[in-house]
Amino acid sequence: MNAVFFGILTILSLFIFMNLSKIKASKKQMDRDDRINWSGKRRPNVRQNRDGSKIIEGSAEEVDDDAQK
């Protein structure tokens, strides 16, 4: 009896899962500028020197400590 119950429950669960898997995110959610890059293909350009220090290539800007006070 348990096998029949859990078999029906499994088939019903798979049916619901297959139907819900067709739902996609809206266009507004997909076309955001601040989306997380889940592909993992882009890595920051980081080099390691012989002494073990790391250099991250990019643009630098000056930080003014007086402006924070």
N, C-alpha and C. Protein backbone atom coordinates (compact mmCIF):
# COMPACT_ATOMS: atom_id res chain seq x y z
N MET A 1 0.82 -1.20 0.00
CA MET A 1 0.00 0.00 0.00
C MET A 1 0.87 1.26 0.00
N ASN A 2 1.96 1.22 0.78
CA ASN A 2 2.86 2.38 0.81
C ASN A 2 3.51 2.61 -0.55
N ALA A 3 3.85 1.54 -1.24
CA ALA A 3 4.50 1.67 -2.55
C ALA A 3 3.57 2.35 -3.55
N VAL A 4 2.29 2.01 -3.50
CA VAL A 4 1.32 2.63 -4.41
C VAL A 4 1.16 4.11 -4.09
N PHE A 5 1.06 4.43 -2.80
CA PHE A 5 0.89 5.82 -2.38
C PHE A 5 2.09 6.67 -2.80
N PHE A 6 3.31 6.17 -2.50
CA PHE A 6 4.50 6.94 -2.85
C PHE A 6 4.75 6.96 -4.35
N GLY A 7 4.33 5.96 -5.06
CA GLY A 7 4.42 5.97 -6.52
C GLY A 7 3.54 7.06 -7.12
N ILE A 8 2.30 7.14 -6.64
CA ILE A 8 1.39 8.20 -7.12
C ILE A 8 1.91 9.57 -6.74
N LEU A 9 2.45 9.69 -5.51
CA LEU A 9 3.02 10.96 -5.05
C LEU A 9 4.21 11.36 -5.92
N THR A 10 5.03 10.41 -6.30
CA THR A 10 6.19 10.68 -7.17
C THR A 10 5.75 11.14 -8.55
N ILE A 11 4.80 10.46 -9.13
CA ILE A 11 4.31 10.83 -10.46
C ILE A 11 3.67 12.21 -10.43
N LEU A 12 2.89 12.49 -9.40
CA LEU A 12 2.25 13.81 -9.26
C LEU A 12 3.30 14.90 -9.09
N SER A 13 4.32 14.62 -8.28
CA SER A 13 5.38 15.60 -8.06
C SER A 13 6.15 15.89 -9.35
N LEU A 14 6.47 14.86 -10.10
CA LEU A 14 7.17 15.05 -11.38
C LEU A 14 6.32 15.84 -12.37
N PHE A 15 5.03 15.57 -12.40
CA PHE A 15 4.14 16.30 -13.29
C PHE A 15 4.11 17.79 -12.93
N ILE A 16 3.99 18.09 -11.65
CA ILE A 16 3.98 19.50 -11.20
C ILE A 16 5.32 20.16 -11.50
N PHE A 17 6.42 19.46 -11.24
CA PHE A 17 7.75 20.01 -11.49
C PHE A 17 7.95 20.32 -12.98
N MET A 18 7.53 19.43 -13.84
CA MET A 18 7.69 19.64 -15.28
C MET A 18 6.85 20.82 -15.77
N ASN A 19 5.68 20.99 -15.23
CA ASN A 19 4.84 22.13 -15.64
C ASN A 19 5.37 23.44 -15.09
N LEU A 20 5.90 23.46 -13.88
CA LEU A 20 6.43 24.70 -13.31
C LEU A 20 7.78 25.07 -13.90
N SER A 21 8.49 24.12 -14.46
CA SER A 21 9.81 24.43 -15.02
C SER A 21 9.71 25.27 -16.30
N LYS A 22 8.54 25.38 -16.86
CA LYS A 22 8.36 26.18 -18.07
C LYS A 22 8.24 27.67 -17.76
N ILE A 23 8.02 28.02 -16.49
CA ILE A 23 7.86 29.42 -16.10
C ILE A 23 9.23 30.09 -16.13
N LYS A 24 9.33 31.22 -16.80
CA LYS A 24 10.58 31.95 -16.92
C LYS A 24 10.48 33.28 -16.19
N ALA A 25 11.62 33.88 -15.98
CA ALA A 25 11.67 35.21 -15.39
C ALA A 25 11.17 36.22 -16.41
N SER A 26 10.66 37.33 -15.90
CA SER A 26 10.13 38.36 -16.79
C SER A 26 11.28 39.07 -17.51
N LYS A 27 10.94 39.80 -18.54
CA LYS A 27 11.93 40.54 -19.32
C LYS A 27 12.63 41.58 -18.44
N LYS A 28 11.89 42.19 -17.53
CA LYS A 28 12.46 43.20 -16.64
C LYS A 28 13.52 42.58 -15.73
N GLN A 29 13.29 41.35 -15.28
CA GLN A 29 14.27 40.68 -14.43
C GLN A 29 15.49 40.22 -15.21
N MET A 30 15.30 39.85 -16.46
CA MET A 30 16.40 39.32 -17.25
C MET A 30 17.33 40.40 -17.78
N ASP A 31 16.85 41.60 -18.05
CA ASP A 31 17.63 42.65 -18.69
C ASP A 31 18.13 43.70 -17.70
N ARG A 32 18.57 43.28 -16.53
CA ARG A 32 19.09 44.21 -15.54
C ARG A 32 20.58 44.42 -15.75
N ASP A 33 21.06 45.60 -15.38
CA ASP A 33 22.49 45.90 -15.50
C ASP A 33 23.31 45.25 -14.39
N ASP A 34 22.70 45.03 -13.23
CA ASP A 34 23.45 44.53 -12.08
C ASP A 34 23.20 43.04 -11.81
N ARG A 35 22.98 42.28 -12.87
CA ARG A 35 22.77 40.84 -12.70
C ARG A 35 24.07 40.15 -12.31
N ILE A 36 23.98 39.06 -11.56
CA ILE A 36 25.13 38.27 -11.18
C ILE A 36 25.55 37.42 -12.37
N ASN A 37 26.86 37.37 -12.62
CA ASN A 37 27.38 36.56 -13.71
C ASN A 37 27.56 35.13 -13.20
N TRP A 38 26.59 34.27 -13.49
CA TRP A 38 26.63 32.89 -13.00
C TRP A 38 27.47 31.98 -13.88
N SER A 39 27.88 32.44 -15.05
CA SER A 39 28.62 31.57 -15.95
C SER A 39 30.03 31.30 -15.45
N GLY A 40 30.61 32.22 -14.71
CA GLY A 40 31.94 32.02 -14.16
C GLY A 40 33.05 32.16 -15.18
N LYS A 41 32.74 32.59 -16.39
CA LYS A 41 33.76 32.70 -17.43
C LYS A 41 34.60 33.96 -17.27
N ARG A 42 34.02 35.03 -16.78
CA ARG A 42 34.76 36.27 -16.62
C ARG A 42 35.39 36.30 -15.24
N ARG A 43 36.68 36.41 -15.21
CA ARG A 43 37.40 36.53 -13.95
C ARG A 43 38.15 37.84 -13.96
N PRO A 44 38.31 38.46 -12.82
CA PRO A 44 39.07 39.71 -12.80
C PRO A 44 40.52 39.45 -13.21
N ASN A 45 41.11 40.45 -13.81
CA ASN A 45 42.47 40.33 -14.30
C ASN A 45 43.43 40.55 -13.12
N VAL A 46 43.84 39.46 -12.49
CA VAL A 46 44.72 39.53 -11.32
C VAL A 46 46.00 38.79 -11.65
N ARG A 47 47.12 39.48 -11.41
CA ARG A 47 48.43 38.85 -11.60
C ARG A 47 49.13 38.77 -10.26
N GLN A 48 49.96 37.77 -10.11
CA GLN A 48 50.71 37.63 -8.88
C GLN A 48 52.19 37.85 -9.19
N ASN A 49 52.82 38.76 -8.43
CA ASN A 49 54.24 39.05 -8.61
C ASN A 49 55.08 37.94 -7.99
N ARG A 50 56.40 38.04 -8.23
CA ARG A 50 57.31 37.05 -7.68
C ARG A 50 57.34 37.07 -6.15
N ASP A 51 57.11 38.25 -5.56
CA ASP A 51 57.15 38.34 -4.10
C ASP A 51 55.82 37.94 -3.45
N GLY A 52 54.83 37.53 -4.23
CA GLY A 52 53.57 37.06 -3.67
C GLY A 52 52.48 38.11 -3.64
N SER A 53 52.81 39.37 -3.93
CA SER A 53 51.77 40.41 -3.93
C SER A 53 50.94 40.31 -5.21
N LYS A 54 49.72 40.74 -5.11
CA LYS A 54 48.82 40.65 -6.25
C LYS A 54 48.55 42.03 -6.83
N ILE A 55 48.48 42.11 -8.14
CA ILE A 55 48.18 43.35 -8.85
C ILE A 55 46.86 43.14 -9.58
N ILE A 56 45.92 44.02 -9.31
CA ILE A 56 44.63 43.99 -10.00
C ILE A 56 44.63 45.13 -11.00
N GLU A 57 44.53 44.79 -12.28
CA GLU A 57 44.55 45.83 -13.30
C GLU A 57 43.20 46.50 -13.39
N GLY A 58 43.23 47.81 -13.54
CA GLY A 58 42.00 48.58 -13.65
C GLY A 58 42.31 50.05 -13.47
N SER A 59 41.29 50.83 -13.32
CA SER A 59 41.49 52.26 -13.14
C SER A 59 41.57 52.59 -11.66
N ALA A 60 42.37 53.59 -11.35
CA ALA A 60 42.54 54.02 -9.97
C ALA A 60 41.96 55.40 -9.80
N GLU A 61 41.48 55.68 -8.61
CA GLU A 61 40.99 57.02 -8.31
C GLU A 61 41.53 57.44 -6.97
N GLU A 62 41.72 58.74 -6.79
CA GLU A 62 42.29 59.25 -5.57
C GLU A 62 41.22 59.34 -4.50
N VAL A 63 41.57 58.92 -3.30
CA VAL A 63 40.65 58.97 -2.16
C VAL A 63 41.08 60.12 -1.28
N ASP A 64 40.16 61.02 -0.97
CA ASP A 64 40.44 62.18 -0.15
C ASP A 64 39.90 61.90 1.25
N ASP A 65 40.81 61.76 2.24
CA ASP A 65 40.41 61.46 3.61
C ASP A 65 39.68 62.62 4.27
N ASP A 66 39.97 63.86 3.85
CA ASP A 66 39.32 65.03 4.44
C ASP A 66 37.85 65.12 4.08
N ALA A 67 37.47 64.57 2.96
CA ALA A 67 36.07 64.64 2.51
C ALA A 67 35.16 63.75 3.35
N GLN A 68 35.72 62.72 3.99
CA GLN A 68 34.91 61.80 4.77
C GLN A 68 34.58 62.34 6.14
N LYS A 69 35.30 63.33 6.65
CA LYS A 69 35.09 63.85 8.00
C LYS A 69 33.97 64.83 8.08
